[in-house]
Protein backbone atom coordinates (compact mmCIF):
# COMPACT_ATOMS: atom_id res chain seq x y z
CA UNK A 1 208.94 -11.13 86.29
CA UNK A 2 211.97 -11.18 88.39
CA UNK A 3 215.13 -9.08 87.05
CA UNK A 4 218.53 -9.78 87.98
CA UNK A 5 221.98 -8.83 87.30
CA UNK A 6 223.45 -11.78 85.03
CA UNK A 7 227.36 -12.40 86.32
CA UNK A 8 228.77 -13.75 83.78
CA UNK A 9 231.71 -16.02 85.21
CA UNK A 10 232.89 -19.50 84.90
CA UNK A 11 231.82 -21.57 88.14
CA UNK A 12 233.30 -24.82 89.26
CA UNK A 13 237.04 -22.95 89.49
CA UNK A 14 236.97 -24.57 85.54
CA UNK A 15 240.02 -22.80 83.54
CA UNK A 16 238.64 -22.05 79.79
CA UNK A 17 241.91 -21.81 78.97
CA UNK A 18 243.29 -24.74 80.17
CA UNK A 19 240.40 -27.31 79.14
CA UNK A 20 240.90 -25.98 75.46
CA UNK A 21 244.65 -26.91 75.63
CA UNK A 22 243.42 -30.42 77.30
CA UNK A 23 240.94 -30.78 74.66
CA UNK A 24 240.97 -28.84 71.98
CA UNK A 25 238.59 -26.27 70.52
CA UNK A 26 235.47 -26.00 69.63
CA UNK A 27 234.82 -27.05 72.86
CA UNK A 28 230.92 -27.45 74.55
CA UNK A 29 231.75 -27.07 78.56
CA UNK A 30 228.89 -27.78 81.34
CA UNK A 31 229.32 -27.17 84.38
CA UNK A 32 227.48 -29.78 87.05
CA UNK A 33 226.86 -27.79 90.10
CA UNK A 34 224.83 -24.82 87.77
CA UNK A 35 222.58 -28.21 86.94
CA UNK A 36 222.08 -29.49 90.32
CA UNK A 37 221.28 -25.59 91.60
CA UNK A 38 218.38 -25.25 88.94
CA UNK A 39 216.84 -28.78 89.47
CA UNK A 40 216.90 -27.84 93.43
CA UNK A 41 215.49 -24.42 92.54
CA UNK A 42 212.24 -26.18 90.91
CA UNK A 43 212.33 -28.73 93.34
CA UNK A 44 211.66 -26.29 96.76
CA UNK A 45 209.83 -23.66 94.75
CA UNK A 46 206.33 -25.74 94.73
CA UNK A 47 204.78 -26.95 97.99
CA UNK A 48 202.39 -29.91 96.68
CA UNK A 49 201.86 -33.48 97.91
CA UNK A 50 203.46 -34.71 95.21
CA UNK A 51 205.90 -32.96 92.48
CA UNK A 52 207.86 -34.73 89.54
CA UNK A 53 210.53 -32.81 86.95
CA UNK A 54 210.59 -34.74 83.77
CA UNK A 55 213.67 -33.20 82.27
CA UNK A 56 213.36 -32.05 78.93
CA UNK A 57 215.93 -34.08 77.14
CA UNK A 58 215.59 -32.52 73.76
CA UNK A 59 217.68 -30.09 75.06
CA UNK A 60 220.66 -31.45 75.98
CA UNK A 61 221.11 -35.21 75.18
CA UNK A 62 224.38 -36.68 76.05
CA UNK A 63 224.18 -39.76 78.05
CA UNK A 64 226.09 -38.35 81.17
CA UNK A 65 224.02 -35.05 81.35
CA UNK A 66 221.13 -37.47 81.69
CA UNK A 67 222.59 -39.80 84.14
CA UNK A 68 223.73 -36.48 85.94
CA UNK A 69 220.06 -35.31 86.34
CA UNK A 70 218.60 -38.87 87.04
CA UNK A 71 221.02 -39.04 90.06
CA UNK A 72 219.61 -35.83 91.25
CA UNK A 73 215.84 -36.96 90.68
CA UNK A 74 214.80 -36.02 87.45
CA UNK A 75 212.32 -38.13 85.30
CA UNK A 76 212.97 -38.03 81.87
CA UNK A 77 210.53 -36.18 79.04
CA UNK A 78 211.27 -37.71 75.81
CA UNK A 79 210.07 -36.49 71.58
CA UNK A 80 211.39 -39.68 69.70
CA UNK A 81 211.79 -43.81 70.17
CA UNK A 82 215.74 -42.72 70.14
CA UNK A 83 215.72 -40.83 72.97
CA UNK A 84 213.23 -43.12 75.22
CA UNK A 85 216.27 -45.65 74.27
CA UNK A 86 218.86 -43.54 75.52
CA UNK A 87 217.20 -42.89 78.26
CA UNK A 88 216.62 -46.39 79.35
CA UNK A 89 220.32 -46.37 78.91
CA UNK A 90 221.16 -44.20 81.31
CA UNK A 91 219.44 -46.23 84.15
CA UNK A 92 215.80 -44.45 83.92
CA UNK A 93 212.76 -46.77 84.46
CA UNK A 94 210.00 -46.70 81.92
CA UNK A 95 207.51 -45.72 84.53
CA UNK A 96 210.26 -42.50 84.64
CA UNK A 97 209.96 -42.03 81.42
CA UNK A 98 206.91 -39.59 79.19
CA UNK A 99 207.01 -40.08 75.60
CA UNK A 100 205.72 -36.70 73.75
CA UNK A 101 205.92 -37.00 70.49
CA UNK A 102 204.62 -34.44 67.62
CA UNK A 103 203.03 -36.34 64.47
CA UNK A 104 205.11 -39.64 64.22
CA UNK A 105 203.90 -42.85 62.86
CA UNK A 106 202.05 -45.36 64.53
CA UNK A 107 205.20 -47.25 64.14
CA UNK A 108 206.95 -45.13 66.11
CA UNK A 109 203.69 -45.10 68.96
CA UNK A 110 203.83 -49.02 68.70
CA UNK A 111 207.37 -48.99 69.64
CA UNK A 112 207.66 -46.43 72.23
CA UNK A 113 204.34 -48.53 73.76
CA UNK A 114 206.83 -51.90 73.43
CA UNK A 115 208.88 -50.32 75.85
CA UNK A 116 206.76 -49.63 78.74
CA UNK A 117 207.10 -45.49 79.06
CA UNK A 118 204.10 -43.25 79.14
CA UNK A 119 202.49 -41.78 76.56
CA UNK A 120 201.19 -38.17 75.42
CA UNK A 121 198.64 -38.00 72.95
CA UNK A 122 199.28 -35.31 70.82
CA UNK A 123 196.13 -35.45 68.33
CA UNK A 124 192.56 -37.27 67.52
CA UNK A 125 193.74 -39.77 65.24
CA UNK A 126 196.17 -41.22 67.60
CA UNK A 127 194.14 -41.33 70.51
CA UNK A 128 191.48 -43.49 68.66
CA UNK A 129 194.50 -45.83 67.57
CA UNK A 130 195.06 -46.43 71.03
CA UNK A 131 191.52 -46.85 71.85
CA UNK A 132 191.47 -49.53 68.51
CA UNK A 133 194.57 -51.51 69.91
CA UNK A 134 195.75 -50.49 72.83
CA UNK A 135 193.19 -49.39 75.21
CA UNK A 136 194.61 -51.07 77.82
CA UNK A 137 197.10 -48.60 77.88
CA UNK A 138 196.69 -45.66 80.12
CA UNK A 139 197.44 -42.31 78.46
CA UNK A 140 198.23 -38.41 78.86
CA UNK A 141 196.62 -36.06 76.40
CA UNK A 142 198.30 -33.10 75.07
CA UNK A 143 195.58 -29.74 75.38
CA UNK A 144 196.54 -27.07 73.21
CA UNK A 145 194.72 -23.99 75.51
CA UNK A 146 195.28 -21.16 72.61
CA UNK A 147 197.31 -18.95 74.58
CA UNK A 148 200.08 -17.31 72.16
CA UNK A 149 203.25 -17.35 74.31
CA UNK A 150 207.30 -17.35 74.45
CA UNK A 151 210.17 -15.54 72.94
CA UNK A 152 209.71 -16.01 69.56
CA UNK A 153 207.32 -17.85 66.95
CA UNK A 154 209.09 -20.66 66.34
CA UNK A 155 209.02 -21.64 69.94
CA UNK A 156 205.53 -20.43 71.16
CA UNK A 157 203.60 -24.07 70.67
CA UNK A 158 200.95 -23.75 72.38
CA UNK A 159 198.59 -20.96 70.31
CA UNK A 160 195.75 -21.56 68.55
CA UNK A 161 197.48 -22.03 64.94
CA UNK A 162 200.28 -24.49 66.78
CA UNK A 163 200.73 -27.75 65.62
CA UNK A 164 200.95 -29.07 69.09
CA UNK A 165 198.94 -31.30 71.23
CA UNK A 166 194.46 -31.19 70.94
CA UNK A 167 192.98 -28.10 70.85
CA UNK A 168 191.00 -27.75 74.42
CA UNK A 169 188.11 -26.49 72.48
CA UNK A 170 187.59 -30.54 71.01
CA UNK A 171 187.25 -31.84 74.76
CA UNK A 172 183.74 -33.63 73.66
CA UNK A 173 185.53 -35.52 70.97
CA UNK A 174 188.48 -36.81 73.30
CA UNK A 175 185.56 -37.46 75.80
CA UNK A 176 183.55 -39.60 73.27
CA UNK A 177 186.50 -41.96 71.87
CA UNK A 178 187.65 -42.23 76.08
CA UNK A 179 184.03 -43.56 76.91
CA UNK A 180 183.83 -45.42 73.08
CA UNK A 181 187.07 -47.47 73.76
CA UNK A 182 187.45 -46.96 77.53
CA UNK A 183 190.61 -45.87 78.06
CA UNK A 184 192.21 -44.82 81.04
CA UNK A 185 193.37 -41.14 81.06
CA UNK A 186 196.04 -40.89 83.66
CA UNK A 187 197.58 -36.98 82.98
CA UNK A 188 196.68 -34.11 81.17
CA UNK A 189 199.27 -32.17 79.85
CA UNK A 190 199.88 -28.66 77.96
CA UNK A 191 202.82 -26.72 77.22
CA UNK A 192 202.80 -22.83 75.93
CA UNK A 193 206.38 -22.17 74.69
CA UNK A 194 209.68 -21.41 75.87
CA UNK A 195 211.03 -17.98 77.27
CA UNK A 196 208.11 -17.25 79.11
CA UNK A 197 208.60 -14.32 81.83
CA UNK A 198 204.98 -13.65 82.81
CA UNK A 199 203.98 -15.80 85.57
CA UNK A 200 200.18 -15.26 84.95
CA UNK A 201 201.10 -16.81 82.07
CA UNK A 202 201.85 -20.16 83.42
CA UNK A 203 198.55 -19.61 86.29
CA UNK A 204 196.38 -19.04 82.75
CA UNK A 205 197.09 -21.90 81.38
CA UNK A 206 196.82 -24.26 84.67
CA UNK A 207 193.52 -22.41 85.15
CA UNK A 208 192.58 -23.81 81.59
CA UNK A 209 193.93 -27.34 82.33
CA UNK A 210 192.87 -28.13 85.76
CA UNK A 211 189.12 -27.01 84.67
CA UNK A 212 189.28 -29.54 81.99
CA UNK A 213 190.78 -31.72 84.41
CA UNK A 214 187.23 -32.61 86.56
CA UNK A 215 186.12 -33.92 83.69
CA UNK A 216 188.57 -37.03 83.23
CA UNK A 217 188.03 -38.86 86.95
CA UNK A 218 190.91 -41.47 86.92
CA UNK A 219 194.02 -38.44 86.26
CA UNK A 220 197.12 -39.47 88.33
CA UNK A 221 198.74 -36.43 87.17
CA UNK A 222 198.84 -32.95 85.75
CA UNK A 223 201.56 -32.08 83.58
CA UNK A 224 202.15 -28.05 83.12
CA UNK A 225 205.07 -28.65 80.39
CA UNK A 226 208.15 -25.44 81.24
CA UNK A 227 209.57 -22.67 79.50
CA UNK A 228 210.77 -20.74 82.20
CA UNK A 229 212.44 -18.11 80.82
CA UNK A 230 216.52 -18.47 82.39
CA UNK A 231 219.01 -15.06 82.00
CA UNK A 232 220.31 -14.16 78.71
CA UNK A 233 222.43 -11.14 79.21
CA UNK A 234 223.29 -8.23 81.99
CA UNK A 235 219.33 -7.37 83.87
CA UNK A 236 217.82 -9.95 81.94
CA UNK A 237 213.82 -10.22 82.93
CA UNK A 238 213.61 -14.16 84.05
CA UNK A 239 210.35 -16.11 85.29
CA UNK A 240 210.14 -15.75 89.36
CA UNK A 241 210.26 -19.16 90.31
CA UNK A 242 209.76 -18.64 93.83
CA UNK A 243 206.53 -16.29 93.20
CA UNK A 244 205.60 -19.15 90.58
CA UNK A 245 206.14 -21.36 92.80
CA UNK A 246 203.94 -20.00 95.50
CA UNK A 247 200.79 -19.12 93.24
CA UNK A 248 201.21 -22.66 91.05
CA UNK A 249 200.93 -24.08 94.63
CA UNK A 250 197.76 -22.76 96.53
CA UNK A 251 195.79 -23.07 93.04
CA UNK A 252 197.46 -26.72 92.91
CA UNK A 253 196.50 -27.34 96.14
CA UNK A 254 193.11 -26.18 96.26
CA UNK A 255 192.50 -28.11 93.03
CA UNK A 256 193.24 -31.17 93.94
CA UNK A 257 191.04 -30.32 97.32
CA UNK A 258 188.10 -30.04 94.43
CA UNK A 259 189.04 -33.42 92.46
CA UNK A 260 188.80 -35.09 95.69
CA UNK A 261 192.66 -36.59 95.96
CA UNK A 262 195.99 -35.66 95.94
CA UNK A 263 197.55 -35.86 92.17
CA UNK A 264 200.78 -35.44 90.80
CA UNK A 265 201.83 -31.64 89.50
CA UNK A 266 204.77 -32.64 87.10
CA UNK A 267 206.92 -29.72 84.77
CA UNK A 268 209.21 -30.45 81.87
CA UNK A 269 212.05 -28.39 82.19
CA UNK A 270 214.68 -28.58 79.90
CA UNK A 271 216.24 -24.76 78.77
CA UNK A 272 215.59 -23.86 82.87
CA UNK A 273 217.96 -26.64 84.37
CA UNK A 274 221.22 -26.55 81.60
CA UNK A 275 220.92 -23.38 79.42
CA UNK A 276 223.40 -21.59 81.91
CA UNK A 277 225.48 -24.60 82.52
CA UNK A 278 226.92 -24.53 79.16
CA UNK A 279 229.50 -22.77 77.75
CA UNK A 280 231.19 -22.81 74.49
CA UNK A 281 234.76 -21.85 73.77
CA UNK A 282 236.14 -21.15 69.99
CA UNK A 283 239.05 -20.18 68.87
CA UNK A 284 239.71 -16.75 66.61
CA UNK A 285 240.82 -17.26 63.23
CA UNK A 286 240.81 -14.16 62.00
CA UNK A 287 240.13 -10.56 62.86
CA UNK A 288 239.08 -8.57 59.63
CA UNK A 289 238.48 -4.54 59.69
CA UNK A 290 236.02 -4.05 56.33
CA UNK A 291 235.31 -0.52 55.86
CA UNK A 292 231.87 -0.74 56.97
CA UNK A 293 232.75 -3.72 59.80
CA UNK A 294 235.17 -4.96 62.62
CA UNK A 295 234.88 -8.87 62.46
CA UNK A 296 235.93 -12.07 64.52
CA UNK A 297 235.96 -14.85 62.69
CA UNK A 298 236.02 -18.14 64.49
CA UNK A 299 236.59 -21.82 64.34
CA UNK A 300 233.47 -22.68 64.53
CA UNK A 301 229.81 -22.14 62.92
CA UNK A 302 225.94 -22.25 62.48
CA UNK A 303 226.82 -26.12 62.37
CA UNK A 304 228.00 -25.86 65.82
CA UNK A 305 225.72 -23.18 67.06
CA UNK A 306 222.36 -22.57 65.17
CA UNK A 307 220.34 -20.64 67.85
CA UNK A 308 221.86 -16.67 66.74
CA UNK A 309 220.91 -17.94 63.17
CA UNK A 310 217.62 -20.14 63.61
CA UNK A 311 216.04 -18.26 66.61
CA UNK A 312 218.26 -14.61 66.86
CA UNK A 313 219.30 -15.68 70.21
CA UNK A 314 221.08 -14.12 71.93
CA UNK A 315 224.49 -15.56 73.75
CA UNK A 316 226.87 -13.48 75.98
CA UNK A 317 230.51 -13.53 74.39
CA UNK A 318 233.64 -13.43 76.30
CA UNK A 319 237.07 -13.22 75.48
CA UNK A 320 238.86 -15.16 78.23
CA UNK A 321 242.35 -14.81 76.56
CA UNK A 322 241.81 -10.91 77.43
CA UNK A 323 239.24 -10.28 80.11
CA UNK A 324 240.10 -7.38 81.12
CA UNK A 325 241.18 -5.60 77.52
CA UNK A 326 239.41 -2.52 76.46
CA UNK A 327 236.67 -3.35 74.31
CA UNK A 328 235.91 -2.73 71.30
CA UNK A 329 232.55 -2.93 68.49
CA UNK A 330 233.27 -6.94 66.84
CA UNK A 331 230.89 -8.71 64.34
CA UNK A 332 231.58 -12.01 65.34
CA UNK A 333 231.11 -14.50 62.21
CA UNK A 334 231.33 -18.45 61.47
CA UNK A 335 233.78 -20.26 58.91
CA UNK A 336 230.43 -21.90 57.25
CA UNK A 337 229.89 -21.04 54.01
CA UNK A 338 226.54 -18.82 54.77
CA UNK A 339 225.71 -16.01 56.36
CA UNK A 340 226.78 -17.09 59.92
CA UNK A 341 226.80 -14.51 61.94
CA UNK A 342 226.75 -14.74 65.64
CA UNK A 343 226.69 -11.63 67.44
CA UNK A 344 226.35 -8.14 65.67
CA UNK A 345 228.05 -4.98 67.20
CA UNK A 346 229.02 -6.79 69.76
CA UNK A 347 231.39 -4.94 73.12
CA UNK A 348 234.27 -7.95 72.97
CA UNK A 349 237.18 -7.48 74.87
CA UNK A 350 240.12 -6.45 72.20
CA UNK A 351 240.56 -9.80 70.48
CA UNK A 352 243.53 -10.88 68.19
CA UNK A 353 244.18 -14.25 66.57
CA UNK A 354 244.87 -17.41 68.42
CA UNK A 355 242.60 -15.65 71.17
CA UNK A 356 239.81 -17.82 72.72
CA UNK A 357 235.99 -16.33 72.70
CA UNK A 358 233.55 -18.06 75.72
CA UNK A 359 229.45 -18.24 74.58
CA UNK A 360 227.66 -18.60 77.80
CA UNK A 361 224.08 -20.18 77.80
CA UNK A 362 225.40 -22.92 75.65
CA UNK A 363 223.44 -25.89 77.46
CA UNK A 364 220.35 -26.11 76.09
CA UNK A 365 219.00 -26.55 72.09
CA UNK A 366 223.07 -26.19 71.03
CA UNK A 367 224.94 -28.95 70.40
CA UNK A 368 221.83 -31.23 70.28
CA UNK A 369 221.10 -28.99 67.30
CA UNK A 370 224.47 -29.41 65.87
CA UNK A 371 225.38 -30.94 62.26
CA UNK A 372 228.14 -31.84 59.90
CA UNK A 373 226.65 -28.97 57.60
CA UNK A 374 230.22 -28.07 55.19
CA UNK A 375 231.56 -31.53 56.60
CA UNK A 376 233.13 -30.44 59.48
CA UNK A 377 233.33 -32.00 62.44
CA UNK A 378 230.96 -31.51 65.81
CA UNK A 379 232.57 -31.05 68.66
CA UNK A 380 233.39 -32.71 71.80
CA UNK A 381 231.72 -32.29 75.37
CA UNK A 382 232.97 -31.86 79.13
CA UNK A 383 231.51 -32.02 82.11
CA UNK A 384 233.00 -30.47 85.15
CA UNK A 385 231.81 -31.51 88.33
CA UNK A 386 233.44 -30.63 91.91
CA UNK A 387 236.90 -28.96 90.05
CA UNK A 388 237.35 -32.47 88.03
CA UNK A 389 236.60 -32.77 84.12
CA UNK A 390 235.12 -35.62 82.59
CA UNK A 391 234.88 -35.93 78.81
CA UNK A 392 231.42 -36.93 77.82
CA UNK A 393 231.88 -36.50 73.79
CA UNK A 394 234.97 -37.74 71.71
CA UNK A 395 235.62 -34.71 68.87
CA UNK A 396 234.35 -36.43 65.93
CA UNK A 397 236.84 -37.31 63.43
CA UNK A 398 237.03 -37.98 59.36
CA UNK A 399 236.32 -41.41 60.05
CA UNK A 400 233.12 -40.24 61.37
CA UNK A 401 232.19 -38.51 59.32
CA UNK A 402 232.31 -40.83 56.40
CA UNK A 403 230.83 -44.14 59.14
CA UNK A 404 227.45 -44.66 57.18
CA UNK A 405 228.18 -43.16 53.49
CA UNK A 406 228.56 -46.35 50.72
CA UNK A 407 230.51 -45.49 47.82
CA UNK A 408 229.83 -46.49 44.56
CA UNK A 409 230.77 -45.85 40.91
CA UNK A 410 228.05 -45.08 38.88
CA UNK A 411 228.55 -46.15 35.45
CA UNK A 412 227.11 -43.14 33.05
CA UNK A 413 226.61 -43.35 29.02
CA UNK A 414 224.69 -44.75 26.57
CA UNK A 415 228.32 -46.44 24.85
CA UNK A 416 226.79 -50.79 24.94
CA UNK A 417 230.81 -50.90 25.94
CA UNK A 418 230.40 -48.57 28.76
CA UNK A 419 227.49 -50.73 30.29
CA UNK A 420 226.94 -53.21 32.59
CA UNK A 421 226.06 -56.57 31.54
CA UNK A 422 222.27 -56.28 31.96
CA UNK A 423 221.58 -52.87 30.75
CA UNK A 424 223.21 -54.58 27.38
CA UNK A 425 220.87 -56.89 27.23
CA UNK A 426 218.08 -54.82 27.39
CA UNK A 427 219.24 -52.51 24.55
CA UNK A 428 219.55 -55.52 22.35
CA UNK A 429 215.96 -56.85 23.18
CA UNK A 430 214.54 -53.48 22.73
CA UNK A 431 216.50 -52.80 19.38
CA UNK A 432 214.96 -56.87 18.12
CA UNK A 433 211.28 -55.16 19.26
CA UNK A 434 212.06 -52.75 16.61
């Protein structure tokens, strides 16, 4: 595990106060230079014949971010047909997109196949369905390695009790279906979880997958997922990408020699690429002293950033209006009619109404998990690169909130004078029968 001192600094010459003045708050801001840095770190760490980094776009699906990552050379990992269509609009070729669903309908599988993307099979019934209907379509198979890993039970997806993937102990069933329907298996895949600090966990999973791969002679690639840990706080421990690169490259190259030809090594980073690029800017609505707590209430809530409530996630918070102020202990809370606490007993610079706070690590699973709960609008998004800021999503309005709602007037009561004509006729017929 690599241990770092996380310097919480806004990059790219970004002036958060100026951005909030220009675009208002709450506001998501993404630093393109950090996305580029993270992509290059991974791309340079692995010394293998062929390497592909498929961005797990569920982390942040803004189409401008997708286009930016495509320019860097990324492929795309999608979990829904909607993400696939967005990827295609962003310029990705179908062959550059892998579709990794979980428990979706066969109708959605058919739609993904029709779009021409690569299919990652998550369960045996789906493998049999493809064999019966689309045997000519090459597939990747997602293996569950029975490895419990990740920073939280909700993001540990490779354990024996997980819904994801086909158990590695069910390989005989996989081989039976592959043989019965002459299915071409082009790849094997696994993903054990997120926020994994220990390099050896990745190597343990790779060992299982590479050993299983020897039973599939037509493979083109091995996809080892991701789950790389990034820093959320000062002195946080993260995945040592350089160490992982050295050890994984050596093991994968030995595997290719034993396999008889070079395969492509694939990873699907999401959080690693975009988490540290994101900042969430909010305004202070109220500073409230109770008998037990000192609260900062902001113009946001779990509708915009649910990770602290859902995952107990830590987001560093800075008062960018008073960055050198004397620090006090605050609870930072939202404006939603629920307990939406962003931080408890957090040391933050002295804060007053109207100040601007910045939440760090707001690039991954933040806006993408936002909602209109309490009929609140979702915020705007801005991408900054080479000192230029680009509005990449406008702030929602009341018209957006009402866009797909259909207003009807429901007539209630049993008085015939208040019922529609057909209902009156129905009642008269019933009376006649009596």
